[in-house]
Protein backbone atom coordinates (compact mmCIF):
# COMPACT_ATOMS: atom_id res chain seq x y z
CA MET A 1 88.65 100.52 61.91
CA CYS A 2 87.01 97.52 60.23
CA VAL A 3 83.40 98.12 59.19
CA LEU A 4 80.62 96.29 57.38
CA LEU A 5 79.45 98.18 54.32
CA SER A 6 76.41 97.72 52.10
CA GLY A 7 77.75 97.95 48.57
CA VAL A 8 76.06 99.25 45.47
CA ASP A 9 75.99 95.70 44.08
CA GLY A 10 73.60 94.66 46.82
CA HIS A 11 76.20 92.63 48.68
CA GLU A 12 77.90 93.30 51.97
CA HIS A 13 81.57 94.18 51.95
CA ILE A 14 84.20 94.42 54.61
CA GLY A 15 85.60 97.92 54.35
CA THR A 16 88.22 99.77 56.30
CA ARG A 17 88.45 103.20 57.73
CA GLY A 18 91.86 104.46 58.68
CA CYS A 19 93.50 101.06 58.11
CA GLY A 20 96.87 100.56 56.51
CA LYS A 21 97.68 98.79 53.26
CA GLY A 22 98.68 95.70 55.17
CA ASN A 23 95.02 95.09 55.84
CA ALA A 24 93.95 94.95 52.19
CA ARG A 25 94.47 91.21 51.87
CA LEU A 26 92.27 90.50 54.88
CA GLN A 27 89.62 92.77 53.39
CA ARG A 28 89.72 90.86 50.09
CA GLU A 29 89.54 87.50 51.86
CA LEU A 30 86.52 88.49 53.91
CA ASN A 31 84.69 90.01 50.95
CA ALA A 32 85.36 86.88 48.90
CA GLN A 33 83.82 84.77 51.65
CA LEU A 34 80.78 87.02 51.73
CA HIS A 35 80.21 86.64 48.01
CA ARG A 36 80.81 82.88 48.01
CA ARG A 37 78.49 82.29 50.93
CA GLY A 38 75.77 84.62 49.77
CA ALA A 39 75.74 86.49 53.04
CA CYS A 40 72.45 88.06 54.04
CA HIS A 41 72.25 91.81 53.69
CA CYS A 42 72.83 94.08 56.63
CA ARG A 43 69.55 94.94 58.24
CA CYS A 44 70.58 98.56 58.11
CA ARG A 45 69.62 98.43 54.43
CA GLY A 46 68.03 101.86 54.55
CA HIS A 47 71.44 103.40 55.14
CA ARG A 48 73.35 102.19 52.10
CA GLN A 49 77.02 103.14 52.17
CA ARG A 50 76.72 104.03 55.83
CA PRO A 51 79.31 101.96 57.70
CA VAL A 52 78.16 99.64 60.45
CA VAL A 53 80.79 98.69 62.99
CA LEU A 54 81.68 95.03 62.64
CA ALA A 55 84.33 94.68 65.26
CA ALA A 56 85.60 98.19 65.97
CA LEU A 57 88.68 96.49 67.28
CA MET A 58 91.42 97.58 64.93
CA GLY A 59 93.72 100.41 65.80
CA THR A 60 97.29 101.43 66.11
CA SER A 61 99.34 100.97 69.20
CA SER A 62 100.53 104.18 70.75
CA SER A 63 104.20 105.00 70.42
CA LEU A 64 106.38 104.12 73.33
CA GLN A 65 108.25 107.02 74.86
CA ARG A 66 111.95 106.73 75.33
CA ALA A 67 113.19 107.17 78.87
CA PRO A 68 116.13 106.13 81.04
CA PHE A 69 115.86 102.39 81.41
CA GLU A 70 117.87 99.98 83.43
CA GLY A 71 116.21 96.79 82.24
CA ILE A 72 113.07 94.76 82.43
CA TYR A 73 113.12 93.18 85.86
CA PRO A 74 112.81 90.60 87.40
CA THR A 75 115.21 88.63 85.27
CA SER A 76 112.69 85.95 84.34
CA TRP A 77 111.00 88.51 82.08
CA GLU A 78 114.17 89.03 80.11
CA GLY A 79 114.29 87.17 76.86
CA THR A 80 110.56 87.48 76.26
CA GLY A 81 111.14 89.58 73.18
CA MET A 82 109.68 92.69 74.80
CA ASN A 83 111.73 95.83 74.43
CA TYR A 84 110.05 98.87 75.86
CA LEU A 85 112.66 101.17 74.36
CA ASP A 86 111.97 100.31 70.74
CA GLN A 87 109.63 102.54 68.82
CA PRO A 88 106.95 100.06 67.69
CA SER A 89 105.52 99.79 64.26
CA ASP A 90 101.74 99.72 63.92
CA MET A 91 100.01 96.76 65.49
CA ASN A 92 99.76 93.76 63.22
CA ARG A 93 96.10 94.37 62.56
CA ARG A 94 95.59 91.28 60.50
CA VAL A 95 96.79 88.97 63.27
CA PHE A 96 94.68 90.91 65.75
CA VAL A 97 91.45 90.64 63.79
CA LYS A 98 92.14 87.06 62.75
CA GLY A 99 92.50 86.09 66.38
CA LEU A 100 89.46 88.10 67.33
CA GLY A 101 87.31 86.41 64.72
CA LEU A 102 88.16 83.04 66.21
CA VAL A 103 87.48 83.88 69.81
CA SER A 104 84.83 86.53 70.18
CA LEU A 105 81.84 84.23 69.90
CA GLY A 106 82.69 83.87 66.23
CA LEU A 107 81.71 87.51 65.81
CA VAL A 108 83.20 88.03 62.37
CA THR A 109 81.39 84.96 61.08
CA SER A 110 78.27 85.95 62.97
CA ALA A 111 78.25 89.33 61.29
CA MET A 112 78.79 87.75 57.89
CA PHE A 113 75.94 85.30 58.09
CA GLY A 114 73.59 86.81 60.64
CA GLY A 115 73.87 90.54 60.20
CA CYS A 116 74.81 93.23 62.65
CA GLU A 117 71.92 92.57 65.01
CA GLN A 118 73.14 89.02 65.59
CA LEU A 119 76.61 90.31 66.43
CA ILE A 120 75.19 92.72 68.99
CA LYS A 121 72.91 90.03 70.38
CA ASP A 122 75.81 87.60 70.79
CA ILE A 123 77.79 90.18 72.74
CA GLN A 124 74.86 91.18 74.93
CA ASN A 125 74.02 87.55 75.70
CA ARG A 126 77.57 86.34 76.28
CA PRO A 127 78.06 83.84 79.14
CA VAL A 128 78.30 85.15 82.69
CA ARG A 129 81.03 83.86 84.99
CA ARG A 130 79.61 84.10 88.51
CA TYR A 131 81.45 83.96 91.80
CA LEU A 132 80.94 80.75 93.75
CA ARG A 133 78.68 80.88 96.79
CA THR A 134 75.76 78.92 98.17
CA GLY A 135 72.15 80.01 97.85
CA SER A 136 72.36 81.25 94.25
CA PRO A 137 70.21 79.36 91.68
CA GLU A 138 72.39 80.72 88.87
CA VAL A 139 75.58 79.46 90.50
CA GLN A 140 74.00 76.09 91.20
CA HIS A 141 72.99 75.76 87.56
CA ALA A 142 76.51 76.63 86.44
CA LEU A 143 77.90 73.97 88.77
CA ASP A 144 75.45 71.38 87.43
CA VAL A 145 76.54 72.14 83.87
CA TYR A 146 80.20 72.12 84.86
CA ARG A 147 79.79 68.73 86.53
CA GLU A 148 78.14 67.34 83.39
CA ALA A 149 80.92 68.76 81.21
CA VAL A 150 83.62 67.18 83.37
CA ILE A 151 81.93 63.78 83.12
CA LYS A 152 81.62 64.05 79.34
CA MET A 153 85.19 65.25 78.88
CA ARG A 154 86.50 62.37 80.97
CA ALA A 155 84.51 59.96 78.81
CA LEU A 156 86.28 61.12 75.64
CA PRO A 157 89.37 59.21 74.48
CA ASP A 158 92.70 60.89 75.14
CA SER A 159 93.13 61.18 71.38
CA ASP A 160 90.29 63.72 71.35
CA PRO A 161 91.85 67.16 72.03
CA ARG A 162 88.71 68.10 73.99
CA SER A 163 89.14 65.26 76.48
CA TRP A 164 89.88 65.96 80.12
CA ASN A 165 93.39 64.51 79.91
CA ALA A 166 94.22 66.29 76.66
CA GLN A 167 93.09 69.65 77.99
CA ALA A 168 95.08 69.18 81.19
CA ALA A 169 98.15 68.14 79.20
CA LEU A 170 98.25 71.52 77.47
CA HIS A 171 99.28 72.87 80.85
CA GLY A 172 101.31 69.87 81.98
CA THR A 173 101.17 66.49 83.64
CA VAL A 174 101.33 65.33 87.24
CA SER A 175 104.54 63.34 86.76
CA GLY A 176 106.14 65.07 83.80
CA GLY A 177 105.88 68.73 84.74
CA PHE A 178 104.82 71.69 82.63
CA ASN A 179 104.19 71.81 78.91
CA LEU A 180 102.76 74.87 77.16
CA CYS A 181 101.63 77.03 80.07
CA GLN A 182 103.06 80.49 80.64
CA HIS A 183 104.34 81.21 84.14
CA GLY A 184 106.83 83.82 85.25
CA THR A 185 106.45 85.67 81.94
CA VAL A 186 104.48 88.70 80.77
CA HIS A 187 101.98 86.26 79.23
CA PHE A 188 100.88 84.63 82.48
CA PHE A 189 97.52 86.42 82.23
CA SER A 190 96.97 86.28 78.48
CA TRP A 191 97.84 82.59 77.97
CA HIS A 192 95.64 81.42 80.83
CA ARG A 193 92.76 83.62 79.67
CA ALA A 194 92.85 81.93 76.28
CA TYR A 195 93.15 78.52 77.98
CA LEU A 196 90.03 79.21 80.05
CA LEU A 197 88.08 80.52 77.07
CA TYR A 198 88.52 77.43 74.94
CA PHE A 199 87.95 75.09 77.86
CA GLU A 200 84.69 76.94 78.47
CA ARG A 201 83.76 76.55 74.79
CA ILE A 202 84.30 72.80 75.03
CA CYS A 203 82.05 72.64 78.09
CA GLN A 204 79.37 74.59 76.22
CA GLN A 205 79.54 72.34 73.17
CA LEU A 206 79.51 69.02 75.03
CA THR A 207 76.60 69.99 77.29
CA GLY A 208 74.61 71.97 74.76
CA GLU A 209 74.56 74.89 77.23
CA LYS A 210 75.79 77.76 75.08
CA SER A 211 75.24 80.26 77.89
CA PHE A 212 77.47 78.36 80.34
CA GLY A 213 80.10 80.46 82.06
CA LEU A 214 82.82 78.99 84.28
CA PRO A 215 82.26 80.03 87.91
CA TYR A 216 85.15 81.61 89.79
CA TRP A 217 86.34 80.95 93.32
CA ASN A 218 86.80 84.27 95.09
CA TRP A 219 89.15 82.98 97.78
CA ASN A 220 89.52 86.50 99.15
CA ARG A 221 85.86 86.51 100.24
CA TYR A 222 85.20 82.76 100.50
CA PRO A 223 88.35 80.92 101.71
CA ALA A 224 86.69 77.47 101.67
CA MET A 225 85.83 75.70 98.44
CA HIS A 226 82.18 75.56 97.45
CA PRO A 227 80.62 72.32 98.80
CA ALA A 228 80.11 71.10 95.23
CA PHE A 229 83.87 70.51 94.99
CA THR A 230 84.04 68.41 98.14
CA ALA A 231 80.87 66.28 97.85
CA ALA A 232 81.84 62.60 97.96
CA GLY A 233 81.35 60.90 94.62
CA SER A 234 80.94 64.17 92.72
CA ALA A 235 82.82 64.64 89.46
CA LEU A 236 84.09 67.90 90.94
CA ASP A 237 85.64 66.23 93.98
CA HIS A 238 89.33 65.37 93.79
CA PRO A 239 92.13 64.25 96.14
CA ARG A 240 93.51 67.35 97.88
CA SER A 241 95.64 68.23 100.88
CA ASN A 242 93.34 71.11 101.81
CA THR A 243 89.94 72.37 100.67
CA THR A 244 90.35 75.87 102.07
CA VAL A 245 93.03 78.53 101.95
CA GLY A 246 92.05 79.36 105.52
CA SER A 247 93.39 82.58 106.96
CA ASN A 248 96.55 82.57 104.87
CA ALA A 249 97.70 86.15 104.40
CA ALA A 250 98.30 85.63 100.68
CA PHE A 251 94.55 86.00 100.16
CA ASN A 252 93.54 88.57 102.76
CA ASP A 253 92.34 92.12 102.22
CA PRO A 254 95.64 93.94 102.85
CA THR A 255 97.50 91.68 100.40
CA MET A 256 94.90 91.86 97.66
CA THR A 257 94.46 95.60 98.12
CA THR A 258 98.21 96.15 97.75
CA ILE A 259 98.39 93.99 94.62
CA LEU A 260 95.33 95.51 92.93
CA SER A 261 96.61 99.01 93.77
CA ASP A 262 99.70 98.43 91.64
CA ALA A 263 99.10 100.34 88.40
CA ASN A 264 102.02 98.74 86.55
CA PHE A 265 101.04 95.66 84.53
CA ILE A 266 104.44 94.02 84.96
CA THR A 267 104.65 94.22 88.73
CA PHE A 268 100.92 93.63 89.18
CA SER A 269 101.14 90.40 87.18
CA SER A 270 104.24 89.21 89.02
CA GLN A 271 102.74 89.80 92.46
CA LEU A 272 99.36 88.24 91.68
CA GLU A 273 101.07 85.17 90.25
CA GLY A 274 103.71 84.74 92.93
CA THR A 275 101.47 85.33 95.94
CA PRO A 276 97.78 84.24 95.78
CA HIS A 277 98.06 82.19 92.59
CA ASN A 278 101.08 80.12 93.58
CA THR A 279 100.06 79.85 97.21
CA ALA A 280 96.65 78.39 96.33
CA HIS A 281 98.32 75.70 94.23
CA VAL A 282 100.65 74.85 97.13
CA ILE A 283 97.98 74.84 99.86
CA ILE A 284 95.47 72.72 97.91
CA GLY A 285 98.33 70.41 97.08
CA MET A 286 98.51 66.99 95.44
CA ASP A 287 97.71 67.37 91.71
CA MET A 288 97.16 71.11 92.14
CA GLY A 289 100.78 71.49 93.18
CA THR A 290 102.03 70.02 89.90
CA GLY A 291 102.05 70.75 86.19
CA GLY A 292 99.00 68.52 85.95
CA SER A 293 96.96 70.85 88.17
CA PRO A 294 94.11 71.11 85.61
CA GLN A 295 93.27 67.49 86.47
CA ASP A 296 91.63 68.95 89.58
CA PRO A 297 88.30 70.64 88.69
CA ILE A 298 89.03 73.41 91.21
CA PHE A 299 91.90 74.53 88.97
CA TRP A 300 89.49 76.14 86.54
CA ALA A 301 87.58 78.00 89.27
CA HIS A 302 90.89 79.14 90.79
CA HIS A 303 92.21 80.44 87.48
CA CYS A 304 88.90 82.12 86.73
CA MET A 305 89.49 84.10 89.92
CA VAL A 306 92.98 85.03 88.72
CA ASP A 307 91.44 86.07 85.42
CA TYR A 308 88.75 88.07 87.21
CA CYS A 309 91.44 89.91 89.18
CA TRP A 310 93.04 90.91 85.88
CA ALA A 311 89.66 92.00 84.49
CA LYS A 312 88.87 93.93 87.67
CA TRP A 313 92.26 95.65 87.61
CA ASN A 314 92.01 96.45 83.90
CA ILE A 315 88.30 97.22 83.43
CA GLU A 316 86.85 98.17 86.81
CA LEU A 317 89.92 99.93 88.22
CA HIS A 318 91.01 101.58 84.94
CA ASN A 319 94.55 100.23 84.66
CA ASP A 320 96.30 99.50 81.39
CA ASN A 321 97.91 96.56 79.63
CA PRO A 322 101.05 96.87 77.48
CA SER A 323 100.75 98.54 74.09
CA ASP A 324 104.01 96.90 73.05
CA PRO A 325 103.48 95.18 69.66
CA THR A 326 105.59 92.18 70.63
CA TRP A 327 103.27 91.50 73.56
CA ILE A 328 100.18 92.14 71.44
CA ASN A 329 101.21 89.94 68.51
CA THR A 330 102.39 86.90 70.45
CA THR A 331 100.18 84.12 69.10
CA TRP A 332 99.30 80.59 70.25
CA ASN A 333 97.84 77.89 68.04
CA HIS A 334 97.69 74.88 70.36
CA PHE A 335 94.09 75.38 71.53
CA VAL A 336 90.94 73.87 70.01
CA ASP A 337 87.35 75.06 69.86
CA GLY A 338 84.24 73.27 71.09
CA ASN A 339 84.30 70.93 68.10
CA GLY A 340 87.97 70.06 68.49
CA ASN A 341 89.15 72.21 65.59
CA PRO A 342 92.51 73.99 65.96
CA VAL A 343 92.31 77.72 66.61
CA SER A 344 94.76 80.57 66.86
CA ILE A 345 94.66 83.49 69.26
CA SER A 346 96.95 86.44 69.88
CA ALA A 347 97.70 87.96 73.26
CA GLY A 348 96.42 91.32 72.04
CA VAL A 349 92.92 89.91 71.72
CA THR A 350 92.69 88.59 75.27
CA PRO A 351 92.12 91.90 77.12
CA LEU A 352 88.89 92.36 75.14
CA LEU A 353 87.42 88.94 75.86
CA PRO A 354 85.53 89.97 79.04
CA LEU A 355 83.76 92.60 76.92
CA LEU A 356 82.96 90.33 73.99
CA SER A 357 83.09 86.62 74.77
CA TYR A 358 82.03 86.38 78.41
CA CYS A 359 81.26 88.66 81.33
CA TYR A 360 82.15 88.53 85.01
CA GLU A 361 79.67 88.99 87.79
CA SER A 362 81.52 91.57 89.87
CA SER A 363 82.52 90.87 93.46
CA ARG A 364 84.58 92.55 96.14
CA VAL A 365 88.32 91.86 96.29
CA GLY A 366 90.32 93.45 99.07
CA ASP A 367 89.19 97.02 99.62
CA PHE A 368 87.82 97.21 96.09
CA ALA A 369 84.10 96.62 95.88
CA THR A 370 82.33 96.80 92.52
CA PRO A 371 82.76 100.35 91.23
CA LEU A 372 81.70 99.15 87.81
CA ASP A 373 79.12 96.40 87.36
CA MET A 374 80.26 94.60 84.23
CA LEU A 375 76.83 92.99 83.84
CA ARG A 376 75.17 96.38 83.47
CA LEU A 377 77.45 98.46 81.31
CA SER A 378 75.78 101.08 79.15
CA ALA A 379 76.71 101.24 75.48
CA GLN A 380 78.67 104.43 76.11
CA GLN A 381 80.57 102.88 79.03
CA ALA A 382 81.43 99.82 76.96
CA LYS A 383 82.64 101.98 74.09
CA LEU A 384 84.95 104.02 76.31
CA ILE A 385 86.31 100.95 78.06
CA GLU A 386 86.91 99.11 74.79
CA ALA A 387 88.78 102.11 73.34
CA ARG A 388 91.00 102.39 76.41
CA ILE A 389 91.75 98.67 76.51
CA ARG A 390 92.66 98.61 72.83
CA LYS A 391 95.00 101.55 73.29
CA GLY A 392 96.94 100.13 76.21
CA ALA A 393 99.87 102.04 77.65
CA PRO A 394 103.67 102.19 77.33
CA VAL A 395 104.30 100.06 80.40
CA ARG A 396 107.81 100.23 81.82
CA PHE A 397 109.48 98.97 84.97
CA ASP A 398 112.49 101.19 85.53
CA ILE A 399 114.80 100.58 88.46
CA ARG A 400 116.01 103.91 89.82
CA ARG A 401 118.17 102.29 92.45
CA ARG A 402 119.07 98.79 93.60
CA VAL A 403 120.09 98.15 97.18
CA PRO A 404 121.64 94.66 97.45
CA ILE A 405 121.15 92.73 100.67
CA ALA A 406 122.50 89.24 99.98
CA ALA A 407 123.95 87.23 97.11
CA ASN A 408 124.82 83.58 96.51
CA VAL A 409 123.68 82.26 99.86
CA THR A 410 122.62 78.65 100.50
CA LEU A 411 120.08 78.18 103.29
CA ARG A 412 118.27 75.34 105.01
CA LEU A 413 114.53 75.32 104.47
CA ASP A 414 113.73 75.11 108.18
CA ARG A 415 116.06 77.93 109.23
CA PRO A 416 114.91 81.55 108.75
CA VAL A 417 117.50 83.90 107.31
CA SER A 418 118.09 87.52 108.27
CA ARG A 419 120.18 89.95 106.23
CA GLN A 420 120.56 93.71 106.45
CA ALA A 421 121.58 96.58 104.21
CA ARG A 422 122.14 100.27 104.71
CA LEU A 423 120.38 102.63 102.33
CA MET A 424 121.75 106.08 101.76
CA THR A 425 120.05 108.38 104.25
CA ALA A 426 118.73 110.62 101.49
CA ASP A 427 117.28 107.66 99.55
CA LEU A 428 115.52 106.18 102.55
CA ALA A 429 114.20 109.55 103.66
CA ALA A 430 112.88 110.29 100.18
CA LEU A 431 111.27 106.88 100.01
CA LEU A 432 109.55 107.12 103.37
CA GLU A 433 108.19 110.56 102.56
CA SER A 434 107.33 109.99 98.90
CA ASP A 435 103.94 109.75 97.25
CA ALA A 436 103.33 106.01 96.78
CA ARG A 437 101.46 106.76 93.55
CA ARG A 438 104.70 108.03 92.03
CA GLU A 439 107.38 105.77 93.47
CA ARG A 440 107.40 102.28 94.92
CA VAL A 441 109.92 100.11 96.66
CA PHE A 442 109.95 96.39 96.05
CA LEU A 443 111.83 93.61 97.72
CA ASN A 444 113.19 91.23 95.11
CA VAL A 445 114.12 87.68 96.10
CA ASP A 446 115.79 85.72 93.33
CA TYR A 447 116.66 82.03 93.72
CA ALA A 448 119.31 80.21 91.73
CA GLN A 449 116.93 77.34 90.98
CA GLN A 450 113.62 75.78 91.88
CA PRO A 451 113.51 73.90 95.21
CA GLN A 452 113.43 70.11 95.32
CA ALA A 453 109.93 70.27 96.83
CA ASN A 454 107.28 72.99 97.01
CA ASP A 455 105.27 72.05 100.11
CA PHE A 456 105.83 75.47 101.68
CA PHE A 457 105.38 79.17 101.17
CA VAL A 458 107.68 82.00 102.19
CA ARG A 459 106.95 84.99 104.42
CA VAL A 460 109.01 88.15 104.49
CA PHE A 461 109.49 90.45 107.47
CA ILE A 462 111.38 93.71 107.87
CA ASN A 463 113.47 94.56 110.95
CA LEU A 464 112.31 91.54 112.97
CA PRO A 465 115.47 89.43 113.57
CA ASP A 466 113.67 86.71 115.55
CA ALA A 467 110.92 86.14 112.95
CA ASN A 468 109.99 82.47 112.50
CA ALA A 469 107.23 80.28 111.08
CA GLN A 470 105.02 81.03 114.08
CA THR A 471 105.27 84.82 113.77
CA PRO A 472 101.77 86.03 112.89
CA THR A 473 101.16 87.96 109.71
CA SER A 474 99.34 90.54 111.80
CA ASP A 475 102.74 91.66 113.10
CA ILE A 476 103.56 95.13 111.79
CA HIS A 477 106.91 93.83 110.48
CA TYR A 478 105.20 91.44 108.05
CA ALA A 479 105.79 92.58 104.47
CA GLY A 480 104.31 89.85 102.26
CA SER A 481 104.64 86.30 100.99
CA TYR A 482 105.12 84.15 97.93
CA ALA A 483 105.23 80.48 96.96
CA PHE A 484 106.90 78.23 94.39
CA PHE A 485 104.71 76.56 91.78
CA GLY A 486 107.09 74.00 90.39
CA THR A 487 110.17 72.05 91.53
CA GLN A 488 113.57 71.13 90.13
CA ALA A 489 112.18 67.88 88.76
CA THR A 490 109.37 69.61 86.85
CA SER A 491 111.20 72.76 85.75
CA ASP A 492 114.22 71.54 83.82
CA ASP A 493 115.08 74.38 81.47
CA SER A 494 116.72 71.94 79.06
CA GLY A 495 113.29 70.75 77.95
CA ASP A 496 111.33 71.70 74.86
CA HIS A 497 109.53 74.62 76.49
CA PRO A 498 111.94 76.34 78.91
CA SER A 499 110.05 79.64 78.73
CA HIS A 500 107.01 77.98 80.22
CA HIS A 501 108.78 76.82 83.35
CA HIS A 502 108.26 78.54 86.60
CA LYS A 503 109.69 81.65 88.07
CA THR A 504 112.42 81.58 90.67
CA ASP A 505 112.33 85.29 91.43
CA PHE A 506 109.65 87.17 93.30
CA ILE A 507 108.81 90.76 94.12
CA ILE A 508 106.87 92.16 97.04
CA ASP A 509 105.69 95.75 97.25
CA VAL A 510 107.00 96.87 100.65
CA THR A 511 106.24 100.58 100.27
CA GLN A 512 103.41 100.67 102.79
CA THR A 513 105.21 98.32 105.17
CA LEU A 514 108.18 100.68 105.33
CA LYS A 515 105.93 103.69 105.86
CA ARG A 516 104.06 101.86 108.63
CA LEU A 517 107.29 100.88 110.38
CA HIS A 518 108.59 104.42 110.04
CA ARG A 519 105.46 105.81 111.67
CA ASN A 520 105.98 103.37 114.54
CA GLY A 521 109.64 104.29 114.96
CA VAL A 522 110.88 100.86 113.86
CA VAL A 523 112.54 102.13 110.68
CA ARG A 524 114.78 105.18 110.92
CA THR A 525 116.79 106.95 108.26
CA ASP A 526 119.99 106.60 110.29
CA GLN A 527 119.74 102.81 110.71
CA PRO A 528 120.10 99.86 108.30
CA LEU A 529 117.16 97.86 107.04
CA ALA A 530 117.05 94.15 107.83
CA VAL A 531 115.05 91.57 105.90
CA GLN A 532 113.94 88.20 107.25
CA ILE A 533 112.95 85.34 104.92
CA VAL A 534 110.95 82.60 106.62
CA ALA A 535 109.74 79.37 105.00
CA VAL A 536 106.43 78.08 106.40
CA PRO A 537 105.20 74.50 105.80
CA ALA A 538 101.86 74.30 104.02
CA GLU A 539 100.75 71.22 105.96
CA GLY A 540 102.28 71.72 109.40
CA LYS A 541 105.71 70.25 108.71
CA PHE A 542 108.28 70.14 105.93
CA ARG A 543 108.73 66.93 103.98
CA GLN A 544 112.42 67.83 103.57
CA PRO A 545 113.36 70.21 106.43
CA ALA A 546 117.06 70.17 105.55
CA MET A 547 116.41 70.95 101.88
CA PRO A 548 118.74 73.70 100.62
CA LEU A 549 117.39 76.93 99.19
CA MET A 550 119.89 78.69 96.98
CA LEU A 551 119.47 82.46 97.05
CA LYS A 552 120.96 84.19 94.05
CA ASN A 553 120.12 87.78 94.99
CA VAL A 554 118.05 89.63 97.56
CA GLY A 555 117.63 93.37 97.40
CA PHE A 556 115.42 96.43 97.36
CA LEU A 557 114.33 97.98 94.08
CA ILE A 558 113.28 101.61 94.11
CA ALA A 559 111.12 102.21 91.06
CA PRO A 560 109.13 105.19 89.81
CA VAL A 561 105.63 104.47 88.56
CA HIS A 562 105.68 104.95 84.78
CA VAL A 563 102.09 104.35 83.73
CA ARG A 564 99.78 107.05 82.47
CA ALA A 565 96.45 107.60 84.16
CA SER A 566 93.64 106.03 82.15
CA ASP A 567 91.23 108.25 80.34
CA GLY A 568 88.17 106.06 80.71
């Protein structure tokens, strides 16, 4: 643990408790800065030699348990450098604290020059990200500040890294595709959280509103965009195909409840990205359907919602992020702060940001209301949550059994496909009667490449041979959906950043669908399972109805849940 100590020489020192030798250099560097700068004494002067917590954010990652492992799946996660079988060394504490000092409201610097009370004050008064709705003075003020920030960012030259175009280009461009963004990897959440944080800092600096928090668009509760984003002549307005996600099932309560109920970080991230995240990009369309999606001001409100879903899952619903040191120590240095200065941030820091750098106003998503109001956490609650988040969990995605359905099939976009497979009677019976908290079944759909266009989303049905684009999602055979965010033209893996290009494989948790069909007599242990894959145009018709879709593999994955129950 890193602590602030009052030394016998009358100066403050950065001390360590329980830290390894690898942290000594950081300690020396921080103490040297304190002496050079003449840092003010800790206000806890009456308790000399009594440690005062400076960050309380340094710890060791828990060891990963060895277990039978078939592989990290889907395949797009392979090659990320994550190996859940390796016994990890201690977390790289120096990288962790270095990143934290740059992002958590400058908390290390704040403690150096302002004392412990300033650090606590900065955390308590961190910006609030509120959910968009009409009738709220606080939301209206946030929108006014956001509008001003957009205008000022657009007025900056492209050579300024804080400019609207420069910030959007970190993600990608409308014509050139994707640049540095993480999609289809285990860093989808962490990279975008850092992206949002520094964008928010730029808005704060340019407007002078240090308390500004980006508002988030809860499309699960409010399918239509806030009127501020559609007002003619407003800086927040932008050319779009649609300004509402309507009644699309990717955002409804059953879908969001299923996704948020997934306790495994890997499968939770994949489903949230492939279903509501991607589908929103496709439905809104135009720039939002491209690598240059941040050119549309709604992008930031959309991704704040994605980020809130992660925070809700992690903080409110007590689920855990990976403790794997490779995930934790992945670092990015292409962001800038509010003054345009380069900064560095590690993925391991990002889970703590909602506790330190900003706070979400809680809102209902799916069946999950607000069991924990993040605006009103007690000190004890915050301490327990912070300890749990730092610890993480040995996340694994083991495949107990694969049941292939189809392989190497080329389809026409406008023609639904139906394929069937026979599970072993014992496997299907065990699945249908199992405790969903202990074992899940996923449908995996893996494409050979991105489609030539992405003006559609895909619905999946089970045991409904005549399913088509008009089949309602209220049908009991409906299992889920996904969408492509990216095309062949914008996802060429031969580019400079192939790992940032978009996923071609998707997973859908079909556990409850199978149980529902079994209860209704549609699925029986002595009959094969059939899967229907149906493309649905986002705007009423396909631009390229004869476009081929190249399926690499389709199959069921039976996977045990390998995540410990959280303590906090």
